[in-house]
Amino acid sequence: MALQKALLLLGICCGSAVLGQPHAKIAVTHGPAGEIHVAVNARLHRDYGLAYPMTYAFAVPGGTTQLTAYRKYAAAGDWQPIAEKTAMDFFNGVEAVRFSDTDQLAYVSVAFSAVTDSIYLKLTNHAGQSVRVEFTGLTRYYDNRAAVVTVTADDWHPYFDTPFQFALSQFRKYQLWVATGIVTAWCDSLTWRHIQTQLDSGYVEAMSHSRNHLRIPYADPVGEVTGSKEDIIANLELPALFRKGEREYVYVWVAPYGEYDERIDDLVSENQYLVSRLVYFDERGFATWESDKRKYAPIGVTREMGPLWGGSNNLADLNRAFDTAVAAGGIYHVMCHPHVLFEGEWSKPYTRQHLQYISQRKDIWYVSMGHLYLYHLLEDETAMPAAVAAATQPLPAALQLSQNYPNPFNPLSRIDFRLAQTGGASLRIYNLAGQLVQTVFENSEAPAGAYSLTVDLRRHPSGMYYYILTQGRQRLIRRMTLIQ
């Protein structure tokens, strides 16, 4: 098998190279009988729940047939089969395994349970024998999808309760997740019941949109930022994907009027929101990690559907914005105000035509905004939450290598990496046959720090490539796809 030969040729054990260090957020190790042990940092698990399935990629030996994947949560537990899905199936956010003959990988998507920080995995062949596989890393997106669609909706309170219920019923028809910004102090008991009904019906996330929807500066910033999160947890029973036992999680803060200041930013960090969503447009990627705040920086949206805040009611513009995000392997984040849509927009063909255009594609990850950033938190090597950093600070810093962006790409792509110490380092690109394609970086005395380099593969054929960062005995490997 070309992939395995390439890895053997390069002398890489991807499991230990990528996440096997003791200070990693997730460590993946192999047992003597071929089983795989996935262990997550306990404080990270407690602070963020991690109930959403992560996708682990494993290189599978050539010639193996009728593979089956199993998981359990205790070493002495019983193995449970993981449902197999194919590229022809439509699925999102479920535990599943997908075997790809194209890149000879198994994509295993599993979540952590509420009672243990461990997952045990194994793959067996047609004879029921364990198959030795090699961990190649967490995929950038769930199930190694090509791009992302996420939706946010602002201003849920009693005045707009009916528009919200109608809007969510429309998005749900297309199996589109909607993260909803709730103005908590305005909500009466009936509104809370309606919100609970929508959460129970599926495809809905609760986001904090403050208590009183004020302009900055807030007279009581703690009440608006901290209190609104507390209100959501006190008045709602959040779905299983937003829980760890009795502990519930609100991952996103939505800034009223898109207004933001330093005090709000501090409170967002203190309350362990993952990210703040503001109101500006043409965003197609992830927010950057802020090491000092231990959270992601505020982020905008790609488009607003409907004529408010500069939103669009032009079908061609909306579809083009989606196409641009997908072509870049990025995130199409559409925002809306349900009360605006309710005031005549739903009767216009563009609304449903756009939802139909962006939905139910099998190579797109459809996900709530909170789960998008929860997944990214574990996949992103640069992101180190406070709880994890405090637990690991005495250990030596690790080499870091980010996923290239965009990916897939044509023909230019950016690769970011960080050297934890000064010393000889190299970044090289190989094809699946293990042949060196390009030496991107090589320095016998490379200083510690962050690097960002652009690669150009215009003279090479479309296909999959691997780029490898090496410093001393540390090696990190990631996969990239060129589409000419």
Protein backbone atom coordinates (compact mmCIF):
# COMPACT_ATOMS: atom_id res chain seq x y z
CA MET A 1 0.00 0.00 0.00
CA ALA A 2 1.45 3.34 -1.10
CA LEU A 3 0.61 5.28 2.05
CA GLN A 4 2.01 2.70 4.43
CA LYS A 5 5.15 2.30 2.33
CA ALA A 6 5.64 6.04 2.41
CA LEU A 7 5.31 6.16 6.19
CA LEU A 8 7.69 3.25 6.64
CA LEU A 9 10.15 4.82 4.23
CA LEU A 10 10.08 8.04 6.23
CA GLY A 11 10.38 6.22 9.56
CA ILE A 12 7.29 7.83 11.07
CA CYS A 13 5.07 6.51 13.85
CA CYS A 14 2.26 8.99 13.49
CA GLY A 15 0.46 8.16 16.72
CA SER A 16 3.27 9.10 19.03
CA ALA A 17 4.52 11.86 16.76
CA VAL A 18 1.29 13.81 16.60
CA LEU A 19 -0.38 13.44 19.96
CA GLY A 20 1.47 10.85 21.97
CA GLN A 21 3.36 13.33 24.15
CA PRO A 22 2.26 13.31 27.82
CA HIS A 23 1.28 16.99 27.77
CA ALA A 24 -1.04 16.75 24.75
CA LYS A 25 -4.75 17.43 25.03
CA ILE A 26 -5.40 13.99 23.56
CA ALA A 27 -2.88 11.12 23.61
CA VAL A 28 -3.23 8.13 21.29
CA THR A 29 -1.23 4.98 22.02
CA HIS A 30 -1.22 1.42 20.72
CA GLY A 31 -1.62 -1.66 22.92
CA PRO A 32 0.16 -5.01 22.44
CA ALA A 33 -2.91 -6.70 20.94
CA GLY A 34 -3.51 -3.97 18.37
CA GLU A 35 -6.05 -2.04 20.43
CA ILE A 36 -5.80 1.76 20.51
CA HIS A 37 -6.11 3.83 23.68
CA VAL A 38 -7.32 7.42 23.38
CA ALA A 39 -6.91 9.49 26.55
CA VAL A 40 -8.06 13.07 27.01
CA ASN A 41 -6.84 15.59 29.57
CA ALA A 42 -9.26 15.20 32.50
CA ARG A 43 -9.64 18.93 33.19
CA LEU A 44 -10.31 19.65 29.53
CA HIS A 45 -12.98 16.93 29.60
CA ARG A 46 -14.58 18.43 32.69
CA ASP A 47 -14.48 22.02 31.48
CA TYR A 48 -15.87 21.44 27.98
CA GLY A 49 -17.79 18.16 28.04
CA LEU A 50 -16.44 16.74 24.76
CA ALA A 51 -19.67 14.89 23.96
CA TYR A 52 -19.35 15.63 20.24
CA PRO A 53 -17.59 12.88 18.24
CA MET A 54 -14.03 13.57 17.14
CA THR A 55 -12.67 11.92 14.00
CA TYR A 56 -9.43 9.94 14.31
CA ALA A 57 -7.70 8.93 11.07
CA PHE A 58 -5.86 5.60 10.92
CA ALA A 59 -3.72 4.25 8.09
CA VAL A 60 -4.95 0.74 7.22
CA PRO A 61 -2.63 -1.99 5.86
CA GLY A 62 -3.24 -2.92 2.24
CA GLY A 63 -5.07 -6.14 1.48
CA THR A 64 -7.31 -6.12 4.56
CA THR A 65 -10.99 -6.73 3.85
CA GLN A 66 -14.31 -6.56 5.66
CA LEU A 67 -13.03 -4.28 8.37
CA THR A 68 -15.10 -3.64 11.47
CA ALA A 69 -14.43 -0.99 14.10
CA TYR A 70 -15.20 -1.34 17.82
CA ARG A 71 -15.02 0.91 20.85
CA LYS A 72 -15.33 0.64 24.62
CA TYR A 73 -14.76 3.02 27.52
CA ALA A 74 -13.01 0.73 30.01
CA ALA A 75 -10.15 -1.69 29.54
CA ALA A 76 -12.24 -4.49 31.04
CA GLY A 77 -15.43 -3.49 29.21
CA ASP A 78 -17.18 -5.18 26.32
CA TRP A 79 -16.39 -4.15 22.76
CA GLN A 80 -19.27 -2.41 20.95
CA PRO A 81 -19.34 -2.22 17.13
CA ILE A 82 -19.24 1.25 15.57
CA ALA A 83 -21.76 1.79 12.80
CA GLU A 84 -20.15 1.91 9.36
CA LYS A 85 -20.98 4.75 6.99
CA THR A 86 -19.87 5.38 3.42
CA ALA A 87 -19.23 8.50 1.37
CA MET A 88 -22.70 7.95 -0.13
CA ASP A 89 -24.39 8.30 3.27
CA PHE A 90 -25.60 11.59 4.73
CA PHE A 91 -24.66 11.84 8.42
CA ASN A 92 -23.30 14.39 10.86
CA GLY A 93 -22.23 14.37 14.49
CA VAL A 94 -22.76 10.65 15.12
CA GLU A 95 -20.37 7.89 16.11
CA ALA A 96 -19.37 6.17 12.88
CA VAL A 97 -16.49 4.66 10.95
CA ARG A 98 -15.87 5.30 7.28
CA PHE A 99 -13.26 3.39 5.29
CA SER A 100 -11.72 5.30 2.39
CA ASP A 101 -10.13 3.23 -0.34
CA THR A 102 -8.89 6.40 -2.04
CA ASP A 103 -6.49 7.39 0.72
CA GLN A 104 -6.42 4.00 2.50
CA LEU A 105 -7.55 5.43 5.81
CA ALA A 106 -10.18 4.59 8.37
CA TYR A 107 -12.01 7.62 9.74
CA VAL A 108 -13.29 6.69 13.20
CA SER A 109 -15.63 9.23 14.80
CA VAL A 110 -16.26 8.67 18.50
CA ALA A 111 -17.14 10.81 21.52
CA PHE A 112 -15.92 10.68 25.09
CA SER A 113 -18.36 9.39 27.68
CA ALA A 114 -19.32 11.30 30.80
CA VAL A 115 -17.75 8.76 33.16
CA THR A 116 -14.23 8.21 31.83
CA ASP A 117 -11.43 10.09 30.12
CA SER A 118 -10.54 7.08 27.95
CA ILE A 119 -11.73 5.48 24.74
CA TYR A 120 -10.48 2.11 23.53
CA LEU A 121 -10.67 1.30 19.81
CA LYS A 122 -9.84 -1.67 17.64
CA LEU A 123 -10.30 -2.70 14.01
CA THR A 124 -10.75 -6.32 12.97
CA ASN A 125 -10.61 -8.07 9.59
CA HIS A 126 -12.94 -10.60 7.98
CA ALA A 127 -11.60 -13.32 10.29
CA GLY A 128 -12.21 -11.27 13.42
CA GLN A 129 -8.49 -10.70 13.95
CA SER A 130 -7.23 -7.33 15.20
CA VAL A 131 -5.61 -5.25 12.50
CA ARG A 132 -2.60 -3.10 13.36
CA VAL A 133 -3.28 0.45 12.17
CA GLU A 134 -1.31 3.68 12.55
CA PHE A 135 -2.82 6.87 13.91
CA THR A 136 -2.24 9.77 11.49
CA GLY A 137 -4.03 12.52 13.40
CA LEU A 138 -7.33 14.20 14.11
CA THR A 139 -9.00 15.40 10.94
CA ARG A 140 -9.55 19.14 10.51
CA TYR A 141 -13.30 18.62 10.17
CA TYR A 142 -15.62 15.85 11.30
CA ASP A 143 -15.36 12.76 9.07
CA ASN A 144 -12.67 14.58 7.05
CA ARG A 145 -15.31 16.67 5.27
CA ALA A 146 -14.32 19.22 2.65
CA ALA A 147 -16.00 22.28 4.19
CA VAL A 148 -18.45 23.42 6.88
CA VAL A 149 -21.91 24.97 7.10
CA THR A 150 -23.08 26.53 10.36
CA VAL A 151 -26.01 28.86 11.08
CA THR A 152 -26.62 31.38 13.85
CA ALA A 153 -29.84 33.26 14.64
CA ASP A 154 -30.10 36.34 16.87
CA ASP A 155 -32.59 37.82 19.35
CA TRP A 156 -34.73 35.04 20.80
CA HIS A 157 -37.07 36.57 23.39
CA PRO A 158 -40.86 36.77 23.82
CA TYR A 159 -41.39 39.43 21.13
CA PHE A 160 -39.74 37.24 18.50
CA ASP A 161 -40.73 33.85 19.89
CA THR A 162 -43.11 32.99 17.05
CA PRO A 163 -40.65 33.99 14.30
CA PHE A 164 -38.00 31.81 15.95
CA GLN A 165 -40.22 28.76 16.15
CA PHE A 166 -41.16 29.13 12.49
CA ALA A 167 -37.58 29.76 11.33
CA LEU A 168 -36.24 26.74 13.19
CA SER A 169 -38.91 24.54 11.65
CA GLN A 170 -37.72 25.69 8.20
CA PHE A 171 -34.03 25.11 8.87
CA ARG A 172 -34.80 21.73 10.43
CA LYS A 173 -36.46 20.58 7.19
CA TYR A 174 -33.03 20.84 5.58
CA GLN A 175 -31.21 19.26 8.55
CA LEU A 176 -29.32 22.49 9.17
CA TRP A 177 -28.09 23.20 12.70
CA VAL A 178 -28.98 26.62 14.09
CA ALA A 179 -27.26 28.17 17.11
CA THR A 180 -29.73 30.60 18.66
CA GLY A 181 -28.84 33.75 20.60
CA ILE A 182 -31.14 34.06 23.64
CA VAL A 183 -31.82 37.38 25.44
CA THR A 184 -32.35 35.72 28.78
CA ALA A 185 -33.77 38.39 31.12
CA TRP A 186 -36.61 39.08 28.71
CA CYS A 187 -37.72 35.45 28.48
CA ASP A 188 -40.89 34.49 30.35
CA SER A 189 -41.83 30.94 31.33
CA LEU A 190 -43.72 30.32 28.08
CA THR A 191 -40.74 31.39 25.96
CA TRP A 192 -38.42 29.13 27.96
CA ARG A 193 -40.81 26.22 27.35
CA HIS A 194 -40.81 26.95 23.61
CA ILE A 195 -37.01 27.12 23.58
CA GLN A 196 -36.87 23.77 25.39
CA THR A 197 -39.23 22.24 22.83
CA GLN A 198 -37.02 23.40 19.99
CA LEU A 199 -33.89 22.06 21.69
CA ASP A 200 -35.60 18.70 22.20
CA SER A 201 -36.67 18.64 18.54
CA GLY A 202 -33.04 18.68 17.41
CA TYR A 203 -30.67 20.79 15.31
CA VAL A 204 -30.76 23.70 17.80
CA GLU A 205 -28.05 25.12 20.09
CA ALA A 206 -28.50 27.68 22.86
CA MET A 207 -26.08 30.64 22.75
CA SER A 208 -25.84 33.52 25.19
CA HIS A 209 -26.98 36.86 23.73
CA SER A 210 -26.78 38.79 27.04
CA ARG A 211 -29.54 39.39 29.58
CA ASN A 212 -30.87 42.70 28.29
CA HIS A 213 -29.47 43.28 24.77
CA LEU A 214 -27.77 46.56 25.71
CA ARG A 215 -25.28 48.78 24.01
CA ILE A 216 -21.81 49.05 25.51
CA PRO A 217 -20.60 49.86 28.07
CA TYR A 218 -22.79 47.67 30.26
CA ALA A 219 -23.73 48.93 33.71
CA ASP A 220 -23.51 45.33 34.94
CA PRO A 221 -21.18 43.42 32.61
CA VAL A 222 -21.01 40.41 34.93
CA GLY A 223 -24.79 40.10 34.86
CA GLU A 224 -24.93 40.39 31.09
CA VAL A 225 -22.11 37.95 30.25
CA THR A 226 -21.98 35.59 33.23
CA GLY A 227 -25.63 35.90 34.21
CA SER A 228 -26.99 35.12 30.76
CA LYS A 229 -25.06 31.84 30.70
CA GLU A 230 -26.34 31.00 34.17
CA ASP A 231 -29.91 31.77 33.05
CA ILE A 232 -29.67 29.35 30.14
CA ILE A 233 -28.36 26.55 32.35
CA ALA A 234 -30.95 27.24 35.07
CA ASN A 235 -33.98 27.41 32.75
CA LEU A 236 -33.17 24.75 30.17
CA GLU A 237 -32.14 21.13 30.05
CA LEU A 238 -29.53 21.18 27.34
CA PRO A 239 -29.30 18.25 24.91
CA ALA A 240 -26.86 15.39 25.48
CA LEU A 241 -24.28 16.82 23.07
CA PHE A 242 -24.00 19.87 25.35
CA ARG A 243 -23.67 17.94 28.61
CA LYS A 244 -21.29 15.86 30.70
CA GLY A 245 -23.47 14.15 33.25
CA GLU A 246 -25.21 16.95 35.15
CA ARG A 247 -22.77 19.60 33.89
CA GLU A 248 -24.05 21.72 30.98
CA TYR A 249 -22.15 23.89 28.49
CA VAL A 250 -22.82 27.13 26.63
CA TYR A 251 -20.01 27.55 24.14
CA VAL A 252 -20.78 30.82 22.31
CA TRP A 253 -21.37 34.44 23.34
CA VAL A 254 -23.18 36.63 20.77
CA ALA A 255 -22.53 40.36 21.15
CA PRO A 256 -25.68 42.54 21.00
CA TYR A 257 -25.42 44.99 18.10
CA GLY A 258 -22.03 43.45 17.39
CA GLU A 259 -20.57 45.73 20.08
CA TYR A 260 -17.66 44.50 22.16
CA ASP A 261 -15.11 45.81 24.64
CA GLU A 262 -12.23 44.61 26.81
CA ARG A 263 -14.37 43.96 29.90
CA ILE A 264 -16.75 41.76 27.92
CA ASP A 265 -13.78 39.95 26.41
CA ASP A 266 -12.37 39.24 29.88
CA LEU A 267 -15.70 37.85 31.06
CA VAL A 268 -16.07 35.69 27.97
CA SER A 269 -12.72 34.18 28.89
CA GLU A 270 -13.57 33.76 32.57
CA ASN A 271 -16.82 31.97 31.74
CA GLN A 272 -15.06 29.57 29.35
CA TYR A 273 -17.05 30.51 26.29
CA LEU A 274 -15.05 29.21 23.36
CA VAL A 275 -15.69 32.16 21.05
CA SER A 276 -17.67 35.40 20.65
CA ARG A 277 -19.68 36.04 17.52
CA LEU A 278 -19.91 39.61 16.25
CA VAL A 279 -21.60 41.14 13.19
CA TYR A 280 -19.27 41.62 10.25
CA PHE A 281 -19.09 39.71 7.00
CA ASP A 282 -16.99 37.63 4.61
CA GLU A 283 -15.49 35.41 7.33
CA ARG A 284 -14.77 31.91 5.99
CA GLY A 285 -12.28 30.49 8.48
CA PHE A 286 -11.72 29.89 12.16
CA ALA A 287 -11.00 32.64 14.64
CA THR A 288 -7.42 32.74 15.90
CA TRP A 289 -6.51 31.39 19.31
CA GLU A 290 -5.70 34.05 21.91
CA SER A 291 -3.10 32.56 24.25
CA ASP A 292 -3.45 35.31 26.85
CA LYS A 293 -7.25 34.87 27.06
CA ARG A 294 -7.28 31.07 26.56
CA LYS A 295 -10.11 31.33 24.03
CA TYR A 296 -10.70 32.09 20.38
CA ALA A 297 -10.79 35.70 19.22
CA PRO A 298 -14.16 37.21 18.25
CA ILE A 299 -15.36 36.17 14.81
CA GLY A 300 -17.85 37.46 12.25
CA VAL A 301 -20.03 35.61 9.74
CA THR A 302 -19.95 34.94 6.03
CA ARG A 303 -23.38 36.31 5.16
CA GLU A 304 -26.61 37.37 6.80
CA MET A 305 -29.70 35.99 5.07
CA GLY A 306 -32.28 38.79 5.06
CA PRO A 307 -32.10 42.60 4.77
CA LEU A 308 -30.63 43.70 8.11
CA TRP A 309 -27.11 44.71 9.19
CA GLY A 310 -26.10 44.72 5.54
CA GLY A 311 -27.58 41.29 5.00
CA SER A 312 -28.42 39.87 1.60
CA ASN A 313 -31.70 38.81 0.00
CA ASN A 314 -30.01 38.11 -3.32
CA LEU A 315 -29.93 34.40 -4.12
CA ALA A 316 -26.95 34.66 -6.47
CA ASP A 317 -24.90 36.54 -3.85
CA LEU A 318 -25.74 34.06 -1.09
CA ASN A 319 -25.00 31.03 -3.26
CA ARG A 320 -21.77 32.59 -4.49
CA ALA A 321 -20.65 33.23 -0.89
CA PHE A 322 -21.31 29.57 -0.10
CA ASP A 323 -19.44 28.39 -3.20
CA THR A 324 -16.44 30.56 -2.33
CA ALA A 325 -16.24 29.15 1.19
CA VAL A 326 -16.53 25.57 -0.02
CA ALA A 327 -13.92 26.05 -2.75
CA ALA A 328 -11.50 27.28 -0.08
CA GLY A 329 -12.26 24.35 2.20
CA GLY A 330 -13.58 26.87 4.70
CA ILE A 331 -16.64 27.66 6.78
CA TYR A 332 -19.90 29.04 5.38
CA HIS A 333 -21.46 30.80 8.36
CA VAL A 334 -24.88 32.22 7.56
CA MET A 335 -26.56 34.39 10.17
CA CYS A 336 -30.17 35.57 10.33
CA HIS A 337 -32.68 37.47 12.41
CA PRO A 338 -35.82 35.29 12.41
CA HIS A 339 -38.14 38.24 13.00
CA VAL A 340 -36.82 39.89 9.82
CA LEU A 341 -37.37 36.70 7.83
CA PHE A 342 -40.85 36.40 9.33
CA GLU A 343 -41.79 39.84 8.05
CA GLY A 344 -42.15 38.73 4.46
CA GLU A 345 -38.81 37.09 3.58
CA TRP A 346 -40.00 33.50 3.98
CA SER A 347 -42.58 34.15 1.26
CA LYS A 348 -39.79 35.04 -1.18
CA PRO A 349 -38.30 32.11 -3.12
CA TYR A 350 -34.65 32.98 -2.35
CA THR A 351 -34.86 31.86 1.29
CA ARG A 352 -35.83 28.25 0.70
CA GLN A 353 -33.85 28.07 -2.54
CA HIS A 354 -30.69 29.06 -0.69
CA LEU A 355 -31.30 26.60 2.13
CA GLN A 356 -31.85 23.87 -0.42
CA TYR A 357 -28.68 24.89 -2.26
CA ILE A 358 -26.41 24.68 0.79
CA SER A 359 -27.94 21.65 2.50
CA GLN A 360 -27.74 17.84 2.46
CA ARG A 361 -24.39 17.59 0.69
CA LYS A 362 -22.43 14.56 1.71
CA ASP A 363 -18.99 16.20 1.63
CA ILE A 364 -20.04 19.10 3.92
CA TRP A 365 -20.03 19.08 7.70
CA TYR A 366 -23.29 20.55 9.06
CA VAL A 367 -22.72 21.54 12.66
CA SER A 368 -23.73 24.00 15.36
CA MET A 369 -21.31 26.85 15.98
CA GLY A 370 -20.47 25.69 19.49
CA HIS A 371 -19.63 22.17 18.35
CA LEU A 372 -17.61 23.55 15.45
CA TYR A 373 -15.32 25.32 17.93
CA LEU A 374 -15.40 22.47 20.44
CA TYR A 375 -14.09 20.12 17.76
CA HIS A 376 -11.55 22.72 16.66
CA LEU A 377 -10.37 23.14 20.25
CA LEU A 378 -9.16 19.55 20.32
CA GLU A 379 -7.87 19.49 16.74
CA ASP A 380 -6.05 22.83 16.93
CA GLU A 381 -2.51 22.42 18.28
CA THR A 382 -2.25 26.15 19.05
CA ALA A 383 -5.23 26.11 21.41
CA MET A 384 -4.32 25.43 25.03
CA PRO A 385 -7.15 26.23 27.49
CA ALA A 386 -6.23 27.50 30.93
CA ALA A 387 -7.03 24.25 32.74
CA VAL A 388 -4.84 22.23 30.41
CA ALA A 389 -2.04 24.78 30.41
CA ALA A 390 -1.99 24.86 34.21
CA ALA A 391 -1.75 21.09 34.37
CA THR A 392 0.99 20.85 31.77
CA GLN A 393 3.08 23.97 32.27
CA PRO A 394 6.03 22.16 33.91
CA LEU A 395 6.44 19.88 30.90
CA PRO A 396 8.57 20.95 27.93
CA ALA A 397 6.82 22.70 25.07
CA ALA A 398 6.03 20.64 22.01
CA LEU A 399 6.54 21.13 18.31
CA GLN A 400 3.34 22.43 16.66
CA LEU A 401 2.14 21.98 13.07
CA SER A 402 -1.19 23.35 11.84
CA GLN A 403 -3.36 22.10 9.02
CA ASN A 404 -2.53 23.90 5.79
CA TYR A 405 -5.04 26.53 4.66
CA PRO A 406 -6.86 26.39 2.39
CA ASN A 407 -7.16 22.64 2.04
CA PRO A 408 -7.90 21.39 -0.60
CA PHE A 409 -5.86 24.04 -2.42
CA ASN A 410 -4.88 25.15 -5.93
CA PRO A 411 -1.96 25.74 -6.15
CA LEU A 412 -1.00 27.92 -3.15
CA SER A 413 -1.50 27.07 0.51
CA ARG A 414 -0.20 28.37 3.83
CA ILE A 415 1.45 26.18 6.47
CA ASP A 416 1.88 27.50 10.01
CA PHE A 417 4.16 25.84 12.55
CA ARG A 418 5.90 26.62 15.81
CA LEU A 419 9.32 25.52 17.03
CA ALA A 420 9.46 25.18 20.81
CA GLN A 421 13.24 25.40 20.94
CA THR A 422 16.17 26.49 18.84
CA GLY A 423 17.78 23.79 16.71
CA GLY A 424 17.89 22.13 13.33
CA ALA A 425 14.42 21.89 11.77
CA SER A 426 12.89 21.08 8.40
CA LEU A 427 9.50 21.10 6.72
CA ARG A 428 9.20 18.84 3.68
CA ILE A 429 6.40 17.67 1.39
CA TYR A 430 6.17 14.08 0.11
CA ASN A 431 3.86 12.26 -2.25
CA LEU A 432 2.16 8.96 -1.39
CA ALA A 433 5.07 7.01 -2.84
CA GLY A 434 7.35 8.58 -0.23
CA GLN A 435 9.18 10.74 -2.78
CA LEU A 436 10.34 14.19 -1.72
CA VAL A 437 8.30 16.82 -3.57
CA GLN A 438 9.51 20.04 -1.97
CA THR A 439 11.69 21.22 0.90
CA VAL A 440 9.69 24.13 2.24
CA PHE A 441 12.00 25.02 5.14
CA GLU A 442 15.39 23.85 6.36
CA ASN A 443 17.61 25.54 8.91
CA SER A 444 20.39 23.95 10.96
CA GLU A 445 19.96 26.57 13.71
CA ALA A 446 16.30 27.52 13.43
CA PRO A 447 15.28 29.86 16.26
CA ALA A 448 12.28 29.00 18.42
CA GLY A 449 9.07 30.77 17.48
CA ALA A 450 6.15 30.84 15.05
CA TYR A 451 6.52 30.43 11.30
CA SER A 452 4.07 30.92 8.44
CA LEU A 453 5.10 29.80 4.95
CA THR A 454 3.36 29.59 1.59
CA VAL A 455 3.83 26.52 -0.60
CA ASP A 456 3.31 26.41 -4.36
CA LEU A 457 2.61 23.04 -6.01
CA ARG A 458 1.48 24.33 -9.41
CA ARG A 459 4.00 22.07 -11.16
CA HIS A 460 2.71 18.92 -9.48
CA PRO A 461 -0.32 16.74 -10.26
CA SER A 462 -3.55 16.75 -8.32
CA GLY A 463 -3.65 14.34 -5.43
CA MET A 464 -2.81 13.79 -1.81
CA TYR A 465 0.49 14.82 -0.26
CA TYR A 466 2.01 14.68 3.22
CA TYR A 467 4.02 17.46 4.84
CA ILE A 468 6.35 16.64 7.70
CA LEU A 469 7.88 18.96 10.28
CA THR A 470 11.02 17.57 11.92
CA GLN A 471 13.13 18.92 14.77
CA GLY A 472 15.47 16.63 16.65
CA ARG A 473 13.58 13.43 17.45
CA GLN A 474 10.17 15.09 17.07
CA ARG A 475 8.17 14.64 13.88
CA LEU A 476 4.71 15.83 12.98
CA ILE A 477 2.82 14.82 9.88
CA ARG A 478 -0.30 16.18 8.17
CA ARG A 479 -2.10 15.48 4.95
CA MET A 480 -2.90 18.02 2.21
CA THR A 481 -4.88 17.74 -1.03
CA LEU A 482 -3.96 19.51 -4.26
CA ILE A 483 -6.71 20.07 -6.83
CA GLN A 484 -5.42 21.47 -10.14
